[in-house]
Amino acid sequence: MVFHMKTTLVIDDQVMLRLKQEAAARRVTMSELVEAGLRQVLAQPTGVAEAAQPWPQLPSWDSGGARVDVADRAALEEAIQEMPDEMPDDGLAGETQGDG
């Protein structure tokens, strides 16, 4: 005699929708599909799943380095004084919170 344990799982709505679609396409129950997936994941040695899908490489670029050491208050104040009086118009000049 085979016993089955019932349980409750919290599953993201999008994952649940995909599970329903996949189970229907395969003509199996959602429980059968979840169990098969769990068996597959649990059969792998720990860490294999992570190693099989490496993180994508993030973009990198040369920023040209820091213009001022922000920990040096005098250098920071000097850099602020050297900034142009007019900043580029971003369409937000003069707006305060609540304007809009």
N, C-alpha and C. Protein backbone atom coordinates (compact mmCIF):
# COMPACT_ATOMS: atom_id res chain seq x y z
N MET A 1 0.84 -1.16 0.00
CA MET A 1 0.00 0.00 0.00
C MET A 1 0.89 1.24 0.00
N VAL A 2 0.57 2.22 -0.83
CA VAL A 2 1.35 3.44 -0.97
C VAL A 2 0.64 4.55 -0.22
N PHE A 3 1.39 5.26 0.60
CA PHE A 3 0.83 6.39 1.34
C PHE A 3 1.38 7.68 0.74
N HIS A 4 0.52 8.67 0.68
CA HIS A 4 0.92 9.99 0.20
C HIS A 4 0.68 11.00 1.31
N MET A 5 1.62 11.88 1.47
CA MET A 5 1.48 12.92 2.48
C MET A 5 0.95 14.17 1.79
N LYS A 6 -0.05 14.79 2.38
CA LYS A 6 -0.58 16.04 1.84
C LYS A 6 0.09 17.18 2.58
N THR A 7 0.34 18.27 1.86
CA THR A 7 0.97 19.43 2.46
C THR A 7 0.47 20.68 1.76
N THR A 8 0.74 21.81 2.33
CA THR A 8 0.39 23.10 1.73
C THR A 8 1.68 23.83 1.41
N LEU A 9 1.76 24.35 0.20
CA LEU A 9 2.92 25.11 -0.23
C LEU A 9 2.47 26.51 -0.66
N VAL A 10 3.28 27.50 -0.42
CA VAL A 10 3.02 28.84 -0.90
C VAL A 10 3.82 29.00 -2.18
N ILE A 11 3.12 29.18 -3.30
CA ILE A 11 3.77 29.25 -4.61
C ILE A 11 3.38 30.56 -5.28
N ASP A 12 4.34 31.24 -5.84
CA ASP A 12 4.12 32.49 -6.56
C ASP A 12 3.04 32.30 -7.63
N ASP A 13 2.19 33.29 -7.82
CA ASP A 13 1.08 33.19 -8.77
C ASP A 13 1.54 32.86 -10.18
N GLN A 14 2.63 33.49 -10.62
CA GLN A 14 3.12 33.24 -11.98
C GLN A 14 3.66 31.82 -12.12
N VAL A 15 4.31 31.32 -11.07
CA VAL A 15 4.82 29.95 -11.08
C VAL A 15 3.65 28.97 -11.10
N MET A 16 2.61 29.27 -10.32
CA MET A 16 1.44 28.40 -10.27
C MET A 16 0.74 28.36 -11.62
N LEU A 17 0.63 29.49 -12.28
CA LEU A 17 0.02 29.53 -13.61
C LEU A 17 0.82 28.69 -14.59
N ARG A 18 2.13 28.82 -14.55
CA ARG A 18 3.01 28.04 -15.43
C ARG A 18 2.90 26.55 -15.11
N LEU A 19 2.79 26.21 -13.83
CA LEU A 19 2.64 24.82 -13.41
C LEU A 19 1.35 24.23 -13.98
N LYS A 20 0.25 24.96 -13.88
CA LYS A 20 -1.03 24.50 -14.42
C LYS A 20 -0.94 24.27 -15.92
N GLN A 21 -0.33 25.21 -16.63
CA GLN A 21 -0.20 25.11 -18.09
C GLN A 21 0.65 23.90 -18.47
N GLU A 22 1.77 23.73 -17.78
CA GLU A 22 2.69 22.63 -18.09
C GLU A 22 2.05 21.28 -17.77
N ALA A 23 1.35 21.20 -16.65
CA ALA A 23 0.68 19.95 -16.28
C ALA A 23 -0.38 19.58 -17.32
N ALA A 24 -1.13 20.56 -17.78
CA ALA A 24 -2.15 20.30 -18.80
C ALA A 24 -1.51 19.85 -20.11
N ALA A 25 -0.42 20.52 -20.48
CA ALA A 25 0.27 20.17 -21.74
C ALA A 25 0.83 18.75 -21.68
N ARG A 26 1.30 18.34 -20.50
CA ARG A 26 1.87 17.00 -20.35
C ARG A 26 0.82 15.95 -19.99
N ARG A 27 -0.40 16.41 -19.75
CA ARG A 27 -1.51 15.52 -19.36
C ARG A 27 -1.20 14.74 -18.08
N VAL A 28 -0.68 15.49 -17.10
CA VAL A 28 -0.42 14.94 -15.78
C VAL A 28 -1.01 15.89 -14.76
N THR A 29 -1.13 15.43 -13.52
CA THR A 29 -1.63 16.33 -12.47
C THR A 29 -0.52 17.29 -12.05
N MET A 30 -0.93 18.39 -11.44
CA MET A 30 0.06 19.33 -10.92
C MET A 30 0.90 18.65 -9.85
N SER A 31 0.29 17.82 -9.03
CA SER A 31 1.03 17.09 -7.98
C SER A 31 2.11 16.21 -8.59
N GLU A 32 1.76 15.51 -9.68
CA GLU A 32 2.75 14.64 -10.33
C GLU A 32 3.91 15.45 -10.88
N LEU A 33 3.60 16.61 -11.46
CA LEU A 33 4.65 17.44 -12.04
C LEU A 33 5.54 18.03 -10.94
N VAL A 34 4.94 18.50 -9.86
CA VAL A 34 5.73 19.04 -8.74
C VAL A 34 6.61 17.94 -8.15
N GLU A 35 6.04 16.76 -7.95
CA GLU A 35 6.83 15.66 -7.38
C GLU A 35 7.99 15.29 -8.29
N ALA A 36 7.75 15.23 -9.61
CA ALA A 36 8.83 14.90 -10.54
C ALA A 36 9.93 15.96 -10.49
N GLY A 37 9.53 17.22 -10.42
CA GLY A 37 10.52 18.30 -10.34
C GLY A 37 11.33 18.24 -9.07
N LEU A 38 10.65 17.98 -7.96
CA LEU A 38 11.36 17.87 -6.68
C LEU A 38 12.32 16.69 -6.68
N ARG A 39 11.87 15.56 -7.23
CA ARG A 39 12.76 14.40 -7.30
C ARG A 39 14.02 14.71 -8.12
N GLN A 40 13.83 15.43 -9.22
CA GLN A 40 14.97 15.78 -10.07
C GLN A 40 15.93 16.70 -9.33
N VAL A 41 15.42 17.71 -8.66
CA VAL A 41 16.28 18.64 -7.93
C VAL A 41 16.97 17.94 -6.76
N LEU A 42 16.24 17.13 -6.03
CA LEU A 42 16.81 16.45 -4.87
C LEU A 42 17.80 15.36 -5.24
N ALA A 43 17.75 14.87 -6.46
CA ALA A 43 18.69 13.84 -6.91
C ALA A 43 20.07 14.43 -7.20
N GLN A 44 20.14 15.74 -7.41
CA GLN A 44 21.42 16.39 -7.70
C GLN A 44 22.19 16.62 -6.40
N PRO A 45 23.50 16.47 -6.46
CA PRO A 45 24.30 16.81 -5.27
C PRO A 45 24.13 18.30 -4.95
N THR A 46 24.27 18.64 -3.70
CA THR A 46 24.14 20.03 -3.28
C THR A 46 25.11 20.91 -4.06
N GLY A 47 24.61 22.03 -4.55
CA GLY A 47 25.45 22.98 -5.27
C GLY A 47 25.49 22.77 -6.76
N VAL A 48 25.01 21.63 -7.26
CA VAL A 48 25.06 21.36 -8.70
C VAL A 48 24.15 22.31 -9.46
N ALA A 49 22.96 22.56 -8.94
CA ALA A 49 22.02 23.44 -9.62
C ALA A 49 22.59 24.84 -9.77
N GLU A 50 23.25 25.34 -8.72
CA GLU A 50 23.84 26.67 -8.79
C GLU A 50 25.01 26.71 -9.78
N ALA A 51 25.81 25.65 -9.80
CA ALA A 51 26.96 25.62 -10.69
C ALA A 51 26.54 25.50 -12.15
N ALA A 52 25.40 24.87 -12.39
CA ALA A 52 24.94 24.67 -13.77
C ALA A 52 24.45 25.96 -14.40
N GLN A 53 24.05 26.93 -13.58
CA GLN A 53 23.53 28.18 -14.10
C GLN A 53 24.33 29.34 -13.51
N PRO A 54 25.49 29.63 -14.09
CA PRO A 54 26.31 30.71 -13.52
C PRO A 54 25.63 32.07 -13.72
N TRP A 55 25.96 32.97 -12.84
CA TRP A 55 25.42 34.32 -12.95
C TRP A 55 25.95 34.97 -14.23
N PRO A 56 25.12 35.76 -14.91
CA PRO A 56 25.62 36.45 -16.10
C PRO A 56 26.65 37.50 -15.70
N GLN A 57 27.59 37.73 -16.58
CA GLN A 57 28.63 38.71 -16.28
C GLN A 57 28.03 40.11 -16.34
N LEU A 58 28.30 40.91 -15.34
CA LEU A 58 27.79 42.27 -15.30
C LEU A 58 28.66 43.18 -16.16
N PRO A 59 28.07 44.21 -16.74
CA PRO A 59 28.87 45.14 -17.55
C PRO A 59 29.82 45.93 -16.65
N SER A 60 30.92 46.34 -17.21
CA SER A 60 31.87 47.17 -16.47
C SER A 60 32.39 48.25 -17.40
N TRP A 61 32.86 49.34 -16.83
CA TRP A 61 33.40 50.43 -17.61
C TRP A 61 34.35 51.22 -16.75
N ASP A 62 35.16 52.04 -17.39
CA ASP A 62 36.12 52.88 -16.69
C ASP A 62 35.48 54.24 -16.49
N SER A 63 35.23 54.62 -15.26
CA SER A 63 34.57 55.90 -14.97
C SER A 63 35.55 57.06 -15.00
N GLY A 64 36.82 56.77 -15.16
CA GLY A 64 37.81 57.83 -15.17
C GLY A 64 38.32 58.17 -13.78
N GLY A 65 37.82 57.49 -12.78
CA GLY A 65 38.29 57.73 -11.42
C GLY A 65 37.51 58.83 -10.72
N ALA A 66 37.74 58.95 -9.43
CA ALA A 66 37.05 59.96 -8.63
C ALA A 66 37.62 61.33 -8.92
N ARG A 67 36.74 62.33 -8.98
CA ARG A 67 37.19 63.70 -9.21
C ARG A 67 37.63 64.37 -7.91
N VAL A 68 37.10 63.86 -6.79
CA VAL A 68 37.44 64.43 -5.49
C VAL A 68 37.25 63.36 -4.42
N ASP A 69 38.06 63.46 -3.38
CA ASP A 69 37.91 62.55 -2.24
C ASP A 69 36.82 63.13 -1.35
N VAL A 70 35.65 62.46 -1.31
CA VAL A 70 34.52 63.01 -0.56
C VAL A 70 34.79 63.02 0.94
N ALA A 71 35.80 62.31 1.40
CA ALA A 71 36.16 62.35 2.82
C ALA A 71 36.97 63.59 3.16
N ASP A 72 37.50 64.27 2.13
CA ASP A 72 38.29 65.48 2.32
C ASP A 72 37.35 66.68 2.16
N ARG A 73 36.89 67.23 3.29
CA ARG A 73 35.87 68.28 3.26
C ARG A 73 36.34 69.52 2.46
N ALA A 74 37.58 69.91 2.64
CA ALA A 74 38.10 71.08 1.93
C ALA A 74 38.10 70.84 0.42
N ALA A 75 38.56 69.67 0.00
CA ALA A 75 38.58 69.35 -1.43
C ALA A 75 37.17 69.27 -1.99
N LEU A 76 36.24 68.76 -1.21
CA LEU A 76 34.85 68.66 -1.63
C LEU A 76 34.25 70.05 -1.81
N GLU A 77 34.47 70.94 -0.84
CA GLU A 77 33.96 72.31 -0.96
C GLU A 77 34.56 73.02 -2.15
N GLU A 78 35.84 72.80 -2.41
CA GLU A 78 36.50 73.41 -3.57
C GLU A 78 35.89 72.91 -4.88
N ALA A 79 35.61 71.62 -4.94
CA ALA A 79 35.01 71.05 -6.15
C ALA A 79 33.61 71.61 -6.37
N ILE A 80 32.86 71.81 -5.28
CA ILE A 80 31.52 72.38 -5.41
C ILE A 80 31.61 73.81 -5.92
N GLN A 81 32.58 74.59 -5.42
CA GLN A 81 32.75 75.97 -5.86
C GLN A 81 33.12 76.06 -7.34
N GLU A 82 33.83 75.05 -7.85
CA GLU A 82 34.26 75.05 -9.24
C GLU A 82 33.16 74.60 -10.21
N MET A 83 32.03 74.14 -9.66
CA MET A 83 30.94 73.68 -10.52
C MET A 83 30.34 74.87 -11.26
N PRO A 84 29.86 74.65 -12.49
CA PRO A 84 29.24 75.75 -13.22
C PRO A 84 28.00 76.24 -12.47
N ASP A 85 27.74 77.56 -12.60
CA ASP A 85 26.59 78.14 -11.92
C ASP A 85 25.27 77.58 -12.45
N GLU A 86 25.22 77.33 -13.75
CA GLU A 86 23.99 76.81 -14.33
C GLU A 86 24.11 75.32 -14.56
N MET A 87 23.18 74.60 -14.02
CA MET A 87 23.12 73.17 -14.24
C MET A 87 22.28 72.92 -15.48
N PRO A 88 22.48 71.81 -16.18
CA PRO A 88 21.66 71.52 -17.36
C PRO A 88 20.18 71.48 -16.96
N ASP A 89 19.33 71.99 -17.86
CA ASP A 89 17.89 72.03 -17.59
C ASP A 89 17.31 70.64 -17.75
N ASP A 90 16.87 70.06 -16.65
CA ASP A 90 16.27 68.74 -16.69
C ASP A 90 14.76 68.82 -16.59
N GLY A 91 14.23 70.04 -16.63
CA GLY A 91 12.79 70.22 -16.57
C GLY A 91 12.27 70.25 -15.15
N LEU A 92 13.15 70.11 -14.17
CA LEU A 92 12.71 70.05 -12.79
C LEU A 92 13.11 71.30 -12.01
N ALA A 93 13.79 72.24 -12.64
CA ALA A 93 14.27 73.41 -11.95
C ALA A 93 13.12 74.18 -11.31
N GLY A 94 13.29 74.53 -10.06
CA GLY A 94 12.30 75.33 -9.36
C GLY A 94 11.15 74.53 -8.79
N GLU A 95 11.04 73.26 -9.12
CA GLU A 95 9.93 72.46 -8.57
C GLU A 95 10.24 72.07 -7.14
N THR A 96 9.22 72.08 -6.34
CA THR A 96 9.35 71.60 -4.98
C THR A 96 8.34 70.48 -4.79
N GLN A 97 8.48 69.78 -3.70
CA GLN A 97 7.57 68.68 -3.43
C GLN A 97 6.16 69.25 -3.31
N GLY A 98 5.24 68.66 -4.04
CA GLY A 98 3.86 69.15 -4.02
C GLY A 98 3.53 69.88 -5.31
N ASP A 99 4.55 70.40 -6.04
CA ASP A 99 4.29 71.02 -7.34
C ASP A 99 4.02 69.89 -8.33
N GLY A 100 3.10 70.02 -9.13
CA GLY A 100 3.00 68.99 -10.14
C GLY A 100 1.67 68.61 -10.40
